[in-house]
């Protein structure tokens, strides 16, 4: 099952996506510029093998809901996210605000 819903933030409206898979749930909050995601995101892959794509993204681990993803500190971020002032340890919601 897949669920999508708008998330109203201070700087704009993001899109929350929840995908229920066997034994796991993928969680994403995205803007037109970048996204944060649950622990399934491979930040090292984005930074190393896909660096030419300049992906703005952050990863939070141990989250089970969209609200937890927004509240959690990011465990890692891409180099492109760092250029926007997004850092590891930053709350997911604040990171998304920087992606508008």
C-alpha atoms as a PDB file:
ATOM      1  CA  UNK A   1       0.000   0.000   0.000  1.00  0.00           C
ATOM      2  CA  UNK A   2       1.156   3.528  -0.769  1.00  0.00           C
ATOM      3  CA  UNK A   3      -0.010   6.769   0.851  1.00  0.00           C
ATOM      4  CA  UNK A   4       0.842  10.335  -0.146  1.00  0.00           C
ATOM      5  CA  UNK A   5      -0.153  13.526   1.621  1.00  0.00           C
ATOM      6  CA  UNK A   6       0.896  17.175   1.613  1.00  0.00           C
ATOM      7  CA  UNK A   7       2.836  18.455   4.619  1.00  0.00           C
ATOM      8  CA  UNK A   8       2.425  22.174   5.294  1.00  0.00           C
ATOM      9  CA  UNK A   9       5.671  23.729   6.496  1.00  0.00           C
ATOM     10  CA  UNK A  10       6.702  27.343   7.057  1.00  0.00           C
ATOM     11  CA  UNK A  11       8.436  27.814   3.691  1.00  0.00           C
ATOM     12  CA  UNK A  12       6.167  25.660   1.542  1.00  0.00           C
ATOM     13  CA  UNK A  13       4.304  22.414   1.077  1.00  0.00           C
ATOM     14  CA  UNK A  14       6.256  19.160   0.981  1.00  0.00           C
ATOM     15  CA  UNK A  15       4.932  15.766  -0.054  1.00  0.00           C
ATOM     16  CA  UNK A  16       5.030  12.847   2.397  1.00  0.00           C
ATOM     17  CA  UNK A  17       5.160   9.376   0.864  1.00  0.00           C
ATOM     18  CA  UNK A  18       4.733   6.143   2.794  1.00  0.00           C
ATOM     19  CA  UNK A  19       5.183   2.802   1.023  1.00  0.00           C
ATOM     20  CA  UNK A  20       4.257  -0.347   2.943  1.00  0.00           C
ATOM     21  CA  UNK A  21       6.419  -3.273   1.860  1.00  0.00           C
ATOM     22  CA  UNK A  22       6.781  -6.749   3.325  1.00  0.00           C
ATOM     23  CA  UNK A  23       8.525  -6.369   6.702  1.00  0.00           C
ATOM     24  CA  UNK A  24       9.377  -2.681   6.169  1.00  0.00           C
ATOM     25  CA  UNK A  25       7.949   0.731   5.384  1.00  0.00           C
ATOM     26  CA  UNK A  26       9.701   3.302   3.195  1.00  0.00           C
ATOM     27  CA  UNK A  27       9.230   6.899   4.354  1.00  0.00           C
ATOM     28  CA  UNK A  28      10.035  10.002   2.290  1.00  0.00           C
ATOM     29  CA  UNK A  29       9.349  13.713   2.628  1.00  0.00           C
ATOM     30  CA  UNK A  30      10.186  15.551  -0.577  1.00  0.00           C
ATOM     31  CA  UNK A  31      10.228  19.005  -2.125  1.00  0.00           C
ATOM     32  CA  UNK A  32      11.052  20.002  -5.700  1.00  0.00           C
ATOM     33  CA  UNK A  33      14.678  20.439  -4.623  1.00  0.00           C
ATOM     34  CA  UNK A  34      15.458  17.466  -2.347  1.00  0.00           C
ATOM     35  CA  UNK A  35      14.205  14.934   0.175  1.00  0.00           C
ATOM     36  CA  UNK A  36      14.700  13.199   3.478  1.00  0.00           C
ATOM     37  CA  UNK A  37      14.150   9.484   3.841  1.00  0.00           C
ATOM     38  CA  UNK A  38      14.234   6.619   6.296  1.00  0.00           C
ATOM     39  CA  UNK A  39      17.261   4.376   6.812  1.00  0.00           C
ATOM     40  CA  UNK A  40      16.796   2.688   3.409  1.00  0.00           C
ATOM     41  CA  UNK A  41      18.518   5.663   1.760  1.00  0.00           C
ATOM     42  CA  UNK A  42      22.142   4.997   0.776  1.00  0.00           C
ATOM     43  CA  UNK A  43      23.798   8.407   1.208  1.00  0.00           C
ATOM     44  CA  UNK A  44      27.259   7.012   0.412  1.00  0.00           C
ATOM     45  CA  UNK A  45      25.989   5.780  -2.969  1.00  0.00           C
ATOM     46  CA  UNK A  46      24.544   9.215  -3.747  1.00  0.00           C
ATOM     47  CA  UNK A  47      27.787  10.953  -2.724  1.00  0.00           C
ATOM     48  CA  UNK A  48      30.201   8.561  -4.413  1.00  0.00           C
ATOM     49  CA  UNK A  49      28.707   6.804  -7.415  1.00  0.00           C
ATOM     50  CA  UNK A  50      25.935   9.262  -8.287  1.00  0.00           C
ATOM     51  CA  UNK A  51      27.686  12.525  -7.390  1.00  0.00           C
ATOM     52  CA  UNK A  52      27.168  13.977 -10.868  1.00  0.00           C
ATOM     53  CA  UNK A  53      23.419  14.035 -10.158  1.00  0.00           C
ATOM     54  CA  UNK A  54      23.944  16.508  -7.284  1.00  0.00           C
ATOM     55  CA  UNK A  55      21.174  14.983  -5.166  1.00  0.00           C
ATOM     56  CA  UNK A  56      20.059  16.906  -2.090  1.00  0.00           C
ATOM     57  CA  UNK A  57      19.024  14.322   0.507  1.00  0.00           C
ATOM     58  CA  UNK A  58      19.214  13.304   4.134  1.00  0.00           C
ATOM     59  CA  UNK A  59      18.743  10.044   6.007  1.00  0.00           C
ATOM     60  CA  UNK A  60      17.170   9.409   9.409  1.00  0.00           C
ATOM     61  CA  UNK A  61      17.366   5.976  11.010  1.00  0.00           C
ATOM     62  CA  UNK A  62      15.020   4.239  13.425  1.00  0.00           C
ATOM     63  CA  UNK A  63      11.915   6.073  12.201  1.00  0.00           C
ATOM     64  CA  UNK A  64       8.575   4.333  11.647  1.00  0.00           C
ATOM     65  CA  UNK A  65       6.244   7.202  10.737  1.00  0.00           C
ATOM     66  CA  UNK A  66       6.356  10.421   8.722  1.00  0.00           C
ATOM     67  CA  UNK A  67       6.090  12.404  11.960  1.00  0.00           C
ATOM     68  CA  UNK A  68       9.111  10.571  13.386  1.00  0.00           C
ATOM     69  CA  UNK A  69      11.016  11.256  10.150  1.00  0.00           C
ATOM     70  CA  UNK A  70      10.300  14.978  10.481  1.00  0.00           C
ATOM     71  CA  UNK A  71      11.215  15.017  14.191  1.00  0.00           C
ATOM     72  CA  UNK A  72      14.337  12.835  14.038  1.00  0.00           C
ATOM     73  CA  UNK A  73      17.895  14.108  13.692  1.00  0.00           C
ATOM     74  CA  UNK A  74      19.405  13.239  10.334  1.00  0.00           C
ATOM     75  CA  UNK A  75      22.047  10.536  10.601  1.00  0.00           C
ATOM     76  CA  UNK A  76      23.741  11.506   7.312  1.00  0.00           C
ATOM     77  CA  UNK A  77      23.296  13.935   4.421  1.00  0.00           C
ATOM     78  CA  UNK A  78      24.646  14.281   0.898  1.00  0.00           C
ATOM     79  CA  UNK A  79      27.389  16.724  -0.020  1.00  0.00           C
ATOM     80  CA  UNK A  80      24.842  18.736  -2.018  1.00  0.00           C
ATOM     81  CA  UNK A  81      22.613  18.995   1.062  1.00  0.00           C
ATOM     82  CA  UNK A  82      25.577  20.320   3.051  1.00  0.00           C
ATOM     83  CA  UNK A  83      25.934  23.130   0.494  1.00  0.00           C
ATOM     84  CA  UNK A  84      22.440  24.290   1.570  1.00  0.00           C
ATOM     85  CA  UNK A  85      23.414  24.254   5.255  1.00  0.00           C
ATOM     86  CA  UNK A  86      21.805  20.877   5.955  1.00  0.00           C
ATOM     87  CA  UNK A  87      23.936  18.839   8.348  1.00  0.00           C
ATOM     88  CA  UNK A  88      23.940  15.495  10.117  1.00  0.00           C
ATOM     89  CA  UNK A  89      22.196  15.959  13.454  1.00  0.00           C
ATOM     90  CA  UNK A  90      19.766  18.531  12.061  1.00  0.00           C
ATOM     91  CA  UNK A  91      16.092  17.772  12.652  1.00  0.00           C
ATOM     92  CA  UNK A  92      14.347  16.400   9.537  1.00  0.00           C
ATOM     93  CA  UNK A  93      11.761  19.192   9.505  1.00  0.00           C
ATOM     94  CA  UNK A  94      14.480  21.884   9.505  1.00  0.00           C
ATOM     95  CA  UNK A  95      16.298  20.121   6.688  1.00  0.00           C
ATOM     96  CA  UNK A  96      13.160  20.024   4.553  1.00  0.00           C
ATOM     97  CA  UNK A  97      12.570  23.724   5.227  1.00  0.00           C
ATOM     98  CA  UNK A  98      16.032  24.371   3.726  1.00  0.00           C
ATOM     99  CA  UNK A  99      15.013  22.484   0.597  1.00  0.00           C
ATOM    100  CA  UNK A 100      12.481  25.095  -0.521  1.00  0.00           C
END
